[in-house]
Amino acid sequence: MASLRTIPVIFGILFYILAGTATATDAPDYLVQGRVYCDTCRAGFETNVTEYIKGAKVRLECKHFGTGNVERAIDGVTDETGTYKIELKDSHEEDICEVVLVQSPLANCSEVQAERDRARVLLTRNVGICDNLRFANPLGYLKDIPLPVCGELLKQFDLADDDNESSGPVEALVTRLQVYSLWVWELASKAIQDLVECISWLGWLRKQHGLLH
């Protein structure tokens, strides 16, 4: 009788193990996260009056490096903070994956911003990245008419000598740091894009070399 009473316990343990295995199997290999904003000053970058868009549609596209064919496409939408999260299974070592803008819900902020309409992401662990979370650069639309405050705001980014002479040394330093940080961000973004393309090319080349041998 004692052994019969242990049967439900054994089944319970087995069910717990199987449920945990199923949950681990269903977990995404990658989580791609980023934001979509409205450039309210048409400045070409984010400012302190930038507005983040709720309900913006984006798409994660992975194209094969060798053929250019779209191997995977997953749609996403931003929440109230302008943030989207796209789950993805499997690695894409041989693909160039980008998050691209699809549609803005704002009629007065739907103009596609050059070089802000797509962001590359690296979806492979062969480069030493163990975490499954991948952050994409912010994507942006241009507002039809800039906000009234934008004129005064953008003067802070003007490094002309005449303007800096009228401002104090601290204000001038802060302005220069802001511009330099934007320049570094642009440089880092370009480097990441080049790295993604290079890794995709190496993965494709390695596969071709293996097929030949």
N, C-alpha and C. Protein backbone atom coordinates (compact mmCIF):
# COMPACT_ATOMS: atom_id res chain seq x y z
N MET A 1 0.82 -1.21 0.00
CA MET A 1 0.00 0.00 0.00
C MET A 1 0.85 1.25 0.00
N ALA A 2 2.00 1.18 0.68
CA ALA A 2 2.88 2.34 0.73
C ALA A 2 3.40 2.69 -0.64
N SER A 3 3.69 1.64 -1.45
CA SER A 3 4.21 1.89 -2.79
C SER A 3 3.15 2.51 -3.67
N LEU A 4 1.86 2.15 -3.45
CA LEU A 4 0.79 2.73 -4.24
C LEU A 4 0.63 4.21 -3.95
N ARG A 5 0.85 4.60 -2.71
CA ARG A 5 0.71 6.01 -2.36
C ARG A 5 1.81 6.87 -2.97
N THR A 6 2.91 6.23 -3.33
CA THR A 6 4.01 7.00 -3.93
C THR A 6 3.82 7.24 -5.42
N ILE A 7 2.89 6.52 -6.04
CA ILE A 7 2.68 6.67 -7.48
C ILE A 7 2.26 8.09 -7.85
N PRO A 8 1.27 8.71 -7.17
CA PRO A 8 0.92 10.10 -7.51
C PRO A 8 2.09 11.05 -7.36
N VAL A 9 2.93 10.79 -6.35
CA VAL A 9 4.09 11.66 -6.15
C VAL A 9 5.04 11.54 -7.32
N ILE A 10 5.27 10.32 -7.77
CA ILE A 10 6.18 10.09 -8.90
C ILE A 10 5.65 10.76 -10.15
N PHE A 11 4.33 10.61 -10.41
CA PHE A 11 3.71 11.25 -11.58
C PHE A 11 3.82 12.77 -11.49
N GLY A 12 3.66 13.29 -10.27
CA GLY A 12 3.78 14.74 -10.09
C GLY A 12 5.18 15.23 -10.41
N ILE A 13 6.18 14.48 -9.97
CA ILE A 13 7.57 14.86 -10.27
C ILE A 13 7.84 14.80 -11.76
N LEU A 14 7.37 13.74 -12.41
CA LEU A 14 7.56 13.60 -13.86
C LEU A 14 6.89 14.73 -14.62
N PHE A 15 5.68 15.09 -14.18
CA PHE A 15 4.96 16.19 -14.84
C PHE A 15 5.72 17.49 -14.69
N TYR A 16 6.28 17.74 -13.52
CA TYR A 16 7.05 18.98 -13.27
C TYR A 16 8.28 19.04 -14.17
N ILE A 17 8.98 17.90 -14.30
CA ILE A 17 10.17 17.85 -15.14
C ILE A 17 9.82 18.08 -16.60
N LEU A 18 8.75 17.42 -17.08
CA LEU A 18 8.35 17.57 -18.47
C LEU A 18 7.87 18.98 -18.76
N ALA A 19 7.16 19.58 -17.82
CA ALA A 19 6.68 20.96 -18.01
C ALA A 19 7.86 21.92 -18.09
N GLY A 20 8.85 21.71 -17.23
CA GLY A 20 10.03 22.56 -17.26
C GLY A 20 10.80 22.41 -18.55
N THR A 21 10.88 21.18 -19.07
CA THR A 21 11.57 20.95 -20.34
C THR A 21 10.85 21.62 -21.49
N ALA A 22 9.52 21.54 -21.48
CA ALA A 22 8.73 22.17 -22.54
C ALA A 22 8.89 23.67 -22.51
N THR A 23 8.91 24.25 -21.30
CA THR A 23 9.07 25.70 -21.17
C THR A 23 10.42 26.14 -21.70
N ALA A 24 11.47 25.38 -21.38
CA ALA A 24 12.81 25.72 -21.85
C ALA A 24 12.90 25.61 -23.36
N THR A 25 12.19 24.59 -23.93
CA THR A 25 12.22 24.41 -25.38
C THR A 25 11.50 25.54 -26.09
N ASP A 26 10.39 26.03 -25.50
CA ASP A 26 9.61 27.08 -26.13
C ASP A 26 10.24 28.46 -25.99
N ALA A 27 11.21 28.60 -25.14
CA ALA A 27 11.83 29.91 -24.92
C ALA A 27 12.53 30.37 -26.19
N PRO A 28 12.43 31.66 -26.52
CA PRO A 28 13.08 32.16 -27.74
C PRO A 28 14.60 32.14 -27.60
N ASP A 29 15.27 31.94 -28.73
CA ASP A 29 16.74 31.98 -28.75
C ASP A 29 17.23 33.42 -28.64
N TYR A 30 16.44 34.36 -29.21
CA TYR A 30 16.84 35.76 -29.20
C TYR A 30 15.63 36.64 -28.92
N LEU A 31 15.88 37.75 -28.27
CA LEU A 31 14.87 38.78 -28.06
C LEU A 31 15.45 40.10 -28.57
N VAL A 32 14.89 40.59 -29.65
CA VAL A 32 15.35 41.84 -30.27
C VAL A 32 14.49 42.98 -29.74
N GLN A 33 15.15 44.01 -29.20
CA GLN A 33 14.43 45.13 -28.58
C GLN A 33 14.96 46.46 -29.09
N GLY A 34 14.05 47.39 -29.31
CA GLY A 34 14.43 48.73 -29.76
C GLY A 34 13.27 49.69 -29.60
N ARG A 35 13.46 50.94 -30.02
CA ARG A 35 12.42 51.96 -29.89
C ARG A 35 12.23 52.70 -31.21
N VAL A 36 11.03 53.25 -31.36
CA VAL A 36 10.70 54.07 -32.52
C VAL A 36 10.29 55.45 -32.01
N TYR A 37 10.88 56.50 -32.59
CA TYR A 37 10.62 57.85 -32.09
C TYR A 37 10.17 58.78 -33.21
N CYS A 38 9.61 59.89 -32.80
CA CYS A 38 9.25 60.97 -33.72
C CYS A 38 10.24 62.11 -33.50
N ASP A 39 10.98 62.43 -34.55
CA ASP A 39 11.94 63.54 -34.50
C ASP A 39 11.16 64.84 -34.62
N THR A 40 10.77 65.39 -33.48
CA THR A 40 9.88 66.55 -33.46
C THR A 40 10.58 67.84 -33.88
N CYS A 41 11.90 67.80 -33.99
CA CYS A 41 12.66 68.99 -34.42
C CYS A 41 13.27 68.80 -35.82
N ARG A 42 13.06 67.64 -36.42
CA ARG A 42 13.68 67.32 -37.71
C ARG A 42 15.19 67.56 -37.63
N ALA A 43 15.76 67.14 -36.51
CA ALA A 43 17.18 67.39 -36.24
C ALA A 43 18.07 66.30 -36.81
N GLY A 44 17.51 65.12 -37.04
CA GLY A 44 18.31 64.00 -37.50
C GLY A 44 18.83 63.13 -36.37
N PHE A 45 18.44 63.47 -35.14
CA PHE A 45 18.85 62.69 -33.98
C PHE A 45 17.85 62.97 -32.85
N GLU A 46 17.96 62.18 -31.80
CA GLU A 46 17.06 62.34 -30.65
C GLU A 46 17.45 63.56 -29.81
N THR A 47 16.45 64.27 -29.34
CA THR A 47 16.66 65.43 -28.47
C THR A 47 15.81 65.25 -27.22
N ASN A 48 15.85 66.25 -26.33
CA ASN A 48 15.06 66.13 -25.11
C ASN A 48 13.57 66.41 -25.33
N VAL A 49 13.17 66.75 -26.56
CA VAL A 49 11.75 66.89 -26.87
C VAL A 49 11.29 65.82 -27.85
N THR A 50 12.13 64.80 -28.05
CA THR A 50 11.75 63.67 -28.89
C THR A 50 10.56 62.94 -28.28
N GLU A 51 9.64 62.53 -29.13
CA GLU A 51 8.47 61.77 -28.67
C GLU A 51 8.57 60.34 -29.19
N TYR A 52 8.31 59.38 -28.31
CA TYR A 52 8.37 57.97 -28.70
C TYR A 52 6.97 57.50 -29.09
N ILE A 53 6.89 56.74 -30.17
CA ILE A 53 5.62 56.44 -30.82
C ILE A 53 5.04 55.11 -30.36
N LYS A 54 3.80 55.17 -29.94
CA LYS A 54 3.05 53.96 -29.61
C LYS A 54 2.33 53.46 -30.86
N GLY A 55 2.36 52.16 -31.08
CA GLY A 55 1.64 51.56 -32.20
C GLY A 55 2.37 51.60 -33.53
N ALA A 56 3.66 51.91 -33.51
CA ALA A 56 4.44 51.90 -34.75
C ALA A 56 4.75 50.46 -35.14
N LYS A 57 4.61 50.15 -36.42
CA LYS A 57 4.86 48.80 -36.91
C LYS A 57 6.29 48.68 -37.44
N VAL A 58 6.94 47.60 -37.05
CA VAL A 58 8.30 47.32 -37.51
C VAL A 58 8.36 45.87 -37.98
N ARG A 59 9.45 45.54 -38.65
CA ARG A 59 9.62 44.16 -39.12
C ARG A 59 11.09 43.76 -39.00
N LEU A 60 11.33 42.60 -38.45
CA LEU A 60 12.67 42.02 -38.41
C LEU A 60 12.84 41.16 -39.65
N GLU A 61 13.81 41.53 -40.50
CA GLU A 61 14.07 40.80 -41.73
C GLU A 61 15.49 40.24 -41.71
N CYS A 62 15.63 38.97 -42.02
CA CYS A 62 16.93 38.32 -42.13
C CYS A 62 17.12 37.86 -43.57
N LYS A 63 18.10 38.45 -44.25
CA LYS A 63 18.38 38.12 -45.64
C LYS A 63 19.68 37.33 -45.73
N HIS A 64 19.66 36.29 -46.55
CA HIS A 64 20.85 35.47 -46.73
C HIS A 64 21.94 36.29 -47.40
N PHE A 65 23.16 36.21 -46.84
CA PHE A 65 24.25 37.04 -47.35
C PHE A 65 24.56 36.71 -48.80
N GLY A 66 24.55 35.43 -49.15
CA GLY A 66 24.94 35.03 -50.50
C GLY A 66 23.90 35.32 -51.56
N THR A 67 22.62 35.08 -51.24
CA THR A 67 21.56 35.21 -52.25
C THR A 67 20.75 36.50 -52.13
N GLY A 68 20.72 37.09 -50.93
CA GLY A 68 19.90 38.28 -50.72
C GLY A 68 18.44 37.96 -50.48
N ASN A 69 18.10 36.68 -50.47
CA ASN A 69 16.71 36.28 -50.23
C ASN A 69 16.35 36.45 -48.76
N VAL A 70 15.09 36.84 -48.50
CA VAL A 70 14.60 36.98 -47.13
C VAL A 70 14.34 35.59 -46.57
N GLU A 71 15.13 35.21 -45.56
CA GLU A 71 14.99 33.89 -44.95
C GLU A 71 13.98 33.89 -43.81
N ARG A 72 13.81 35.05 -43.18
CA ARG A 72 12.89 35.15 -42.04
C ARG A 72 12.38 36.57 -41.92
N ALA A 73 11.10 36.71 -41.63
CA ALA A 73 10.49 38.04 -41.44
C ALA A 73 9.47 37.93 -40.31
N ILE A 74 9.63 38.77 -39.29
CA ILE A 74 8.73 38.76 -38.14
C ILE A 74 8.30 40.20 -37.86
N ASP A 75 7.01 40.41 -37.75
CA ASP A 75 6.47 41.75 -37.49
C ASP A 75 6.41 42.03 -35.99
N GLY A 76 6.50 43.31 -35.67
CA GLY A 76 6.38 43.75 -34.29
C GLY A 76 5.69 45.10 -34.22
N VAL A 77 5.30 45.50 -33.02
CA VAL A 77 4.62 46.78 -32.81
C VAL A 77 5.09 47.36 -31.49
N THR A 78 5.18 48.68 -31.42
CA THR A 78 5.68 49.34 -30.22
C THR A 78 4.58 49.52 -29.18
N ASP A 79 5.00 49.56 -27.91
CA ASP A 79 4.07 49.78 -26.82
C ASP A 79 3.97 51.27 -26.50
N GLU A 80 3.43 51.61 -25.34
CA GLU A 80 3.22 53.02 -24.99
C GLU A 80 4.52 53.78 -24.78
N THR A 81 5.61 53.07 -24.61
CA THR A 81 6.91 53.74 -24.46
C THR A 81 7.68 53.78 -25.78
N GLY A 82 7.04 53.34 -26.86
CA GLY A 82 7.71 53.32 -28.15
C GLY A 82 8.66 52.15 -28.31
N THR A 83 8.55 51.15 -27.42
CA THR A 83 9.46 50.01 -27.43
C THR A 83 8.81 48.80 -28.08
N TYR A 84 9.56 48.13 -28.92
CA TYR A 84 9.09 46.87 -29.51
C TYR A 84 9.99 45.74 -29.01
N LYS A 85 9.43 44.54 -28.95
CA LYS A 85 10.19 43.34 -28.58
C LYS A 85 9.78 42.22 -29.53
N ILE A 86 10.77 41.67 -30.21
CA ILE A 86 10.52 40.61 -31.19
C ILE A 86 11.28 39.36 -30.78
N GLU A 87 10.56 38.26 -30.62
CA GLU A 87 11.18 36.99 -30.25
C GLU A 87 11.52 36.20 -31.50
N LEU A 88 12.64 35.49 -31.43
CA LEU A 88 13.13 34.77 -32.61
C LEU A 88 13.79 33.46 -32.19
N LYS A 89 13.51 32.41 -32.95
CA LYS A 89 14.15 31.12 -32.73
C LYS A 89 15.28 30.94 -33.75
N ASP A 90 16.31 30.20 -33.33
CA ASP A 90 17.43 29.83 -34.20
C ASP A 90 18.36 31.01 -34.46
N SER A 91 19.61 30.66 -34.74
CA SER A 91 20.62 31.66 -35.08
C SER A 91 20.59 31.93 -36.58
N HIS A 92 21.14 33.08 -36.95
CA HIS A 92 21.19 33.49 -38.36
C HIS A 92 22.60 33.98 -38.67
N GLU A 93 23.53 33.05 -38.57
CA GLU A 93 24.93 33.40 -38.75
C GLU A 93 25.22 33.84 -40.18
N GLU A 94 24.51 33.26 -41.13
CA GLU A 94 24.78 33.56 -42.54
C GLU A 94 23.86 34.64 -43.09
N ASP A 95 23.06 35.24 -42.24
CA ASP A 95 22.10 36.24 -42.68
C ASP A 95 22.47 37.62 -42.15
N ILE A 96 22.03 38.62 -42.90
CA ILE A 96 22.10 40.00 -42.44
C ILE A 96 20.70 40.37 -41.95
N CYS A 97 20.58 40.57 -40.64
CA CYS A 97 19.27 40.82 -40.04
C CYS A 97 19.13 42.29 -39.68
N GLU A 98 18.00 42.87 -40.04
CA GLU A 98 17.72 44.27 -39.77
C GLU A 98 16.29 44.43 -39.29
N VAL A 99 16.10 45.38 -38.38
CA VAL A 99 14.75 45.82 -38.01
C VAL A 99 14.45 47.04 -38.87
N VAL A 100 13.34 47.01 -39.60
CA VAL A 100 13.00 48.11 -40.51
C VAL A 100 11.64 48.69 -40.13
N LEU A 101 11.50 49.98 -40.41
CA LEU A 101 10.21 50.64 -40.19
C LEU A 101 9.19 50.16 -41.22
N VAL A 102 7.96 49.98 -40.76
CA VAL A 102 6.88 49.57 -41.66
C VAL A 102 5.82 50.65 -41.78
N GLN A 103 5.33 51.14 -40.63
CA GLN A 103 4.25 52.13 -40.67
C GLN A 103 4.20 52.91 -39.37
N SER A 104 3.95 54.22 -39.50
CA SER A 104 3.75 55.07 -38.34
C SER A 104 2.26 55.32 -38.15
N PRO A 105 1.76 55.29 -36.91
CA PRO A 105 0.35 55.58 -36.67
C PRO A 105 0.05 57.07 -36.66
N LEU A 106 1.08 57.91 -36.72
CA LEU A 106 0.91 59.36 -36.64
C LEU A 106 0.95 59.97 -38.04
N ALA A 107 -0.15 60.60 -38.42
CA ALA A 107 -0.21 61.21 -39.75
C ALA A 107 0.77 62.38 -39.88
N ASN A 108 1.02 63.07 -38.78
CA ASN A 108 1.91 64.23 -38.83
C ASN A 108 3.36 63.88 -38.50
N CYS A 109 3.64 62.58 -38.39
CA CYS A 109 5.01 62.14 -38.16
C CYS A 109 5.19 60.77 -38.81
N SER A 110 5.22 60.77 -40.14
CA SER A 110 5.31 59.51 -40.88
C SER A 110 6.36 59.55 -41.98
N GLU A 111 7.08 60.68 -42.06
CA GLU A 111 8.14 60.78 -43.08
C GLU A 111 9.36 59.98 -42.63
N VAL A 112 9.79 59.08 -43.50
CA VAL A 112 10.92 58.22 -43.15
C VAL A 112 12.20 59.04 -43.05
N GLN A 113 12.93 58.83 -42.00
CA GLN A 113 14.17 59.56 -41.77
C GLN A 113 15.35 58.79 -42.32
N ALA A 114 16.12 59.41 -43.18
CA ALA A 114 17.26 58.75 -43.82
C ALA A 114 18.22 58.20 -42.76
N GLU A 115 18.64 56.95 -42.96
CA GLU A 115 19.57 56.26 -42.07
C GLU A 115 18.99 55.98 -40.69
N ARG A 116 17.70 56.26 -40.51
CA ARG A 116 17.03 55.92 -39.26
C ARG A 116 15.83 55.02 -39.53
N ASP A 117 15.78 54.45 -40.73
CA ASP A 117 14.66 53.60 -41.09
C ASP A 117 14.97 52.12 -40.90
N ARG A 118 16.21 51.79 -40.53
CA ARG A 118 16.58 50.40 -40.31
C ARG A 118 17.77 50.32 -39.36
N ALA A 119 17.86 49.19 -38.66
CA ALA A 119 18.95 48.97 -37.71
C ALA A 119 19.33 47.50 -37.73
N ARG A 120 20.61 47.24 -37.92
CA ARG A 120 21.09 45.86 -37.98
C ARG A 120 21.29 45.29 -36.59
N VAL A 121 21.04 43.98 -36.49
CA VAL A 121 21.24 43.26 -35.23
C VAL A 121 22.00 41.98 -35.53
N LEU A 122 22.83 41.56 -34.58
CA LEU A 122 23.66 40.38 -34.73
C LEU A 122 22.98 39.21 -34.04
N LEU A 123 22.54 38.22 -34.83
CA LEU A 123 21.80 37.09 -34.28
C LEU A 123 22.61 35.81 -34.41
N THR A 124 23.72 35.77 -33.71
CA THR A 124 24.56 34.58 -33.61
C THR A 124 25.35 34.67 -32.32
N ARG A 125 25.72 33.52 -31.78
CA ARG A 125 26.52 33.49 -30.56
C ARG A 125 27.97 33.16 -30.84
N ASN A 126 28.34 33.14 -32.11
CA ASN A 126 29.71 32.79 -32.48
C ASN A 126 30.67 33.96 -32.35
N VAL A 127 30.23 35.04 -31.73
CA VAL A 127 31.10 36.21 -31.54
C VAL A 127 31.31 36.50 -30.06
N GLY A 128 30.96 35.53 -29.22
CA GLY A 128 31.21 35.68 -27.79
C GLY A 128 30.10 36.34 -27.01
N ILE A 129 28.94 36.60 -27.64
CA ILE A 129 27.81 37.21 -26.93
C ILE A 129 26.92 36.07 -26.41
N CYS A 130 26.85 35.91 -25.11
CA CYS A 130 26.09 34.80 -24.52
C CYS A 130 24.63 35.16 -24.27
N ASP A 131 24.36 36.42 -23.99
CA ASP A 131 23.00 36.85 -23.68
C ASP A 131 22.13 36.77 -24.93
N ASN A 132 20.86 36.43 -24.74
CA ASN A 132 19.95 36.33 -25.89
C ASN A 132 19.28 37.66 -26.23
N LEU A 133 19.50 38.68 -25.41
CA LEU A 133 18.90 39.99 -25.65
C LEU A 133 19.77 40.79 -26.63
N ARG A 134 19.13 41.32 -27.67
CA ARG A 134 19.82 42.12 -28.67
C ARG A 134 19.12 43.49 -28.78
N PHE A 135 19.89 44.55 -28.57
CA PHE A 135 19.35 45.90 -28.66
C PHE A 135 19.63 46.46 -30.05
N ALA A 136 18.58 46.98 -30.70
CA ALA A 136 18.72 47.62 -32.01
C ALA A 136 18.75 49.14 -31.82
N ASN A 137 19.46 49.82 -32.69
CA ASN A 137 19.50 51.28 -32.63
C ASN A 137 18.09 51.86 -32.82
N PRO A 138 17.80 53.01 -32.23
CA PRO A 138 16.48 53.62 -32.38
C PRO A 138 16.16 53.94 -33.83
N LEU A 139 14.89 53.78 -34.19
CA LEU A 139 14.40 54.11 -35.53
C LEU A 139 13.52 55.34 -35.42
N GLY A 140 13.57 56.22 -36.45
CA GLY A 140 12.84 57.47 -36.31
C GLY A 140 12.11 57.94 -37.56
N TYR A 141 11.01 58.62 -37.31
CA TYR A 141 10.26 59.34 -38.34
C TYR A 141 10.44 60.84 -38.12
N LEU A 142 10.22 61.62 -39.17
CA LEU A 142 10.32 63.07 -39.09
C LEU A 142 8.94 63.70 -38.94
N LYS A 143 8.80 64.62 -38.02
CA LYS A 143 7.54 65.35 -37.85
C LYS A 143 7.38 66.35 -38.98
N ASP A 144 6.14 66.53 -39.43
CA ASP A 144 5.87 67.44 -40.55
C ASP A 144 6.34 68.86 -40.25
N ILE A 145 5.93 69.38 -39.11
CA ILE A 145 6.27 70.75 -38.71
C ILE A 145 6.99 70.69 -37.36
N PRO A 146 8.21 71.22 -37.28
CA PRO A 146 8.95 71.17 -36.01
C PRO A 146 8.21 71.92 -34.90
N LEU A 147 8.44 71.52 -33.68
CA LEU A 147 7.85 72.21 -32.53
C LEU A 147 8.43 73.61 -32.41
N PRO A 148 7.65 74.56 -31.86
CA PRO A 148 8.15 75.95 -31.72
C PRO A 148 9.45 76.05 -30.91
N VAL A 149 9.65 75.14 -29.98
CA VAL A 149 10.82 75.20 -29.11
C VAL A 149 12.09 74.75 -29.82
N CYS A 150 11.95 74.15 -30.99
CA CYS A 150 13.10 73.52 -31.64
C CYS A 150 14.16 74.53 -32.06
N GLY A 151 13.75 75.71 -32.50
CA GLY A 151 14.72 76.70 -32.94
C GLY A 151 15.73 77.04 -31.87
N GLU A 152 15.22 77.32 -30.69
CA GLU A 152 16.11 77.65 -29.57
C GLU A 152 16.90 76.43 -29.11
N LEU A 153 16.24 75.28 -29.15
CA LEU A 153 16.90 74.06 -28.70
C LEU A 153 18.09 73.70 -29.58
N LEU A 154 17.92 73.80 -30.89
CA LEU A 154 18.98 73.41 -31.81
C LEU A 154 20.16 74.37 -31.81
N LYS A 155 19.95 75.57 -31.28
CA LYS A 155 21.07 76.51 -31.17
C LYS A 155 22.14 75.97 -30.22
N GLN A 156 21.73 75.09 -29.32
CA GLN A 156 22.68 74.51 -28.38
C GLN A 156 23.71 73.63 -29.08
N PHE A 157 23.36 73.17 -30.29
CA PHE A 157 24.26 72.29 -31.02
C PHE A 157 25.07 73.04 -32.06
N ASP A 158 24.98 74.35 -32.08
CA ASP A 158 25.74 75.17 -33.02
C ASP A 158 27.09 75.50 -32.40
N LEU A 159 28.15 75.08 -33.05
CA LEU A 159 29.49 75.28 -32.50
C LEU A 159 30.21 76.45 -33.13
N ALA A 160 29.48 77.34 -33.75
CA ALA A 160 30.12 78.50 -34.35
C ALA A 160 30.78 79.33 -33.26
N ASP A 161 31.96 79.93 -33.59
CA ASP A 161 32.72 80.69 -32.60
C ASP A 161 31.95 81.89 -32.06
N ASP A 162 31.18 82.54 -32.94
CA ASP A 162 30.43 83.72 -32.50
C ASP A 162 29.43 83.37 -31.41
N ASP A 163 28.77 82.21 -31.61
CA ASP A 163 27.76 81.81 -30.64
C ASP A 163 28.42 81.39 -29.33
N ASN A 164 29.56 80.70 -29.43
CA ASN A 164 30.21 80.22 -28.22
C ASN A 164 30.83 81.34 -27.41
N GLU A 165 31.17 82.45 -28.08
CA GLU A 165 31.74 83.59 -27.36
C GLU A 165 30.72 84.21 -26.41
N SER A 166 29.45 84.12 -26.79
CA SER A 166 28.41 84.73 -25.97
C SER A 166 27.95 83.80 -24.84
N SER A 167 28.40 82.55 -24.87
CA SER A 167 28.02 81.62 -23.82
C SER A 167 29.19 81.38 -22.90
N GLY A 168 28.89 80.90 -21.71
CA GLY A 168 29.93 80.64 -20.74
C GLY A 168 30.72 79.40 -21.09
N PRO A 169 31.86 79.19 -20.43
CA PRO A 169 32.69 78.03 -20.73
C PRO A 169 32.01 76.71 -20.42
N VAL A 170 31.18 76.68 -19.38
CA VAL A 170 30.49 75.44 -19.04
C VAL A 170 29.47 75.08 -20.11
N GLU A 171 28.68 76.07 -20.56
CA GLU A 171 27.69 75.81 -21.59
C GLU A 171 28.36 75.37 -22.88
N ALA A 172 29.48 76.00 -23.23
CA ALA A 172 30.19 75.62 -24.45
C ALA A 172 30.71 74.19 -24.35
N LEU A 173 31.22 73.82 -23.18
CA LEU A 173 31.74 72.47 -22.99
C LEU A 173 30.62 71.44 -23.09
N VAL A 174 29.48 71.73 -22.47
CA VAL A 174 28.35 70.81 -22.53
C VAL A 174 27.88 70.63 -23.96
N THR A 175 27.83 71.72 -24.71
CA THR A 175 27.40 71.65 -26.10
C THR A 175 28.35 70.78 -26.91
N ARG A 176 29.65 70.99 -26.71
CA ARG A 176 30.63 70.19 -27.45
C ARG A 176 30.52 68.71 -27.08
N LEU A 177 30.31 68.42 -25.82
CA LEU A 177 30.18 67.03 -25.39
C LEU A 177 28.95 66.38 -26.01
N GLN A 178 27.86 67.14 -26.12
CA GLN A 178 26.65 66.61 -26.73
C GLN A 178 26.90 66.25 -28.20
N VAL A 179 27.55 67.15 -28.92
CA VAL A 179 27.82 66.91 -30.33
C VAL A 179 28.80 65.76 -30.51
N TYR A 180 29.83 65.72 -29.67
CA TYR A 180 30.80 64.63 -29.76
C TYR A 180 30.17 63.28 -29.46
N SER A 181 29.25 63.26 -28.49
CA SER A 181 28.58 62.00 -28.17
C SER A 181 27.73 61.52 -29.34
N LEU A 182 27.08 62.45 -30.04
CA LEU A 182 26.32 62.08 -31.23
C LEU A 182 27.24 61.52 -32.32
N TRP A 183 28.42 62.16 -32.46
CA TRP A 183 29.37 61.70 -33.45
C TRP A 183 29.88 60.29 -33.12
N VAL A 184 30.16 60.02 -31.85
CA VAL A 184 30.61 58.70 -31.42
C VAL A 184 29.52 57.68 -31.64
N TRP A 185 28.27 58.06 -31.35
CA TRP A 185 27.14 57.14 -31.56
C TRP A 185 27.02 56.76 -33.03
N GLU A 186 27.16 57.74 -33.92
CA GLU A 186 27.10 57.46 -35.35
C GLU A 186 28.23 56.53 -35.77
N LEU A 187 29.43 56.79 -35.26
CA LEU A 187 30.58 55.96 -35.60
C LEU A 187 30.41 54.54 -35.11
N ALA A 188 29.93 54.38 -33.88
CA ALA A 188 29.71 53.05 -33.32
C ALA A 188 28.62 52.31 -34.08
N SER A 189 27.58 53.01 -34.48
CA SER A 189 26.50 52.39 -35.24
C SER A 189 27.01 51.85 -36.57
N LYS A 190 27.83 52.64 -37.25
CA LYS A 190 28.39 52.19 -38.52
C LYS A 190 29.30 50.98 -38.31
N ALA A 191 30.09 50.99 -37.24
CA ALA A 191 30.99 49.87 -36.96
C ALA A 191 30.21 48.59 -36.70
N ILE A 192 29.10 48.71 -35.99
CA ILE A 192 28.27 47.54 -35.70
C ILE A 192 27.68 46.98 -36.99
N GLN A 193 27.22 47.84 -37.87
CA GLN A 193 26.67 47.39 -39.15
C GLN A 193 27.73 46.67 -39.97
N ASP A 194 28.94 47.20 -39.99
CA ASP A 194 30.02 46.54 -40.73
C ASP A 194 30.36 45.19 -40.11
N LEU A 195 30.34 45.11 -38.77
CA LEU A 195 30.63 43.86 -38.09
C LEU A 195 29.59 42.80 -38.41
N VAL A 196 28.31 43.19 -38.41
CA VAL A 196 27.24 42.25 -38.73
C VAL A 196 27.41 41.70 -40.14
N GLU A 197 27.71 42.58 -41.08
CA GLU A 197 27.88 42.14 -42.46
C GLU A 197 29.09 41.23 -42.60
N CYS A 198 30.17 41.55 -41.90
CA CYS A 198 31.38 40.75 -41.96
C CYS A 198 31.15 39.35 -41.40
N ILE A 199 30.47 39.27 -40.26
CA ILE A 199 30.21 37.97 -39.65
C ILE A 199 29.29 37.14 -40.52
N SER A 200 28.29 37.77 -41.12
CA SER A 200 27.39 37.05 -42.03
C SER A 200 28.16 36.50 -43.22
N TRP A 201 29.09 37.29 -43.73
CA TRP A 201 29.90 36.86 -44.87
C TRP A 201 30.80 35.69 -44.48
N LEU A 202 31.40 35.76 -43.27
CA LEU A 202 32.27 34.67 -42.82
C LEU A 202 31.49 33.38 -42.62
N GLY A 203 30.28 33.50 -42.06
CA GLY A 203 29.45 32.32 -41.89
C GLY A 203 29.08 31.69 -43.21
N TRP A 204 28.73 32.52 -44.17
CA TRP A 204 28.38 32.02 -45.50
C TRP A 204 29.59 31.38 -46.17
N LEU A 205 30.76 32.01 -46.04
CA LEU A 205 31.98 31.48 -46.65
C LEU A 205 32.37 30.15 -46.03
N ARG A 206 32.23 30.06 -44.70
CA ARG A 206 32.57 28.81 -44.02
C ARG A 206 31.68 27.66 -44.48
N LYS A 207 30.41 27.96 -44.68
CA LYS A 207 29.50 26.92 -45.14
C LYS A 207 29.83 26.49 -46.56
N GLN A 208 30.15 27.47 -47.43
CA GLN A 208 30.52 27.14 -48.79
C GLN A 208 31.79 26.31 -48.82
N HIS A 209 32.76 26.65 -47.97
CA HIS A 209 34.01 25.89 -47.90
C HIS A 209 33.75 24.48 -47.44
N GLY A 210 32.85 24.32 -46.49
CA GLY A 210 32.52 22.98 -46.01
C GLY A 210 31.84 22.14 -47.07
N LEU A 211 30.97 22.78 -47.87
CA LEU A 211 30.28 22.05 -48.92
C LEU A 211 31.24 21.60 -50.00
N LEU A 212 32.26 22.44 -50.27
CA LEU A 212 33.22 22.10 -51.30
C LEU A 212 34.11 20.93 -50.90
N HIS A 213 34.25 20.73 -49.59
CA HIS A 213 35.10 19.65 -49.11
C HIS A 213 34.25 18.51 -48.55
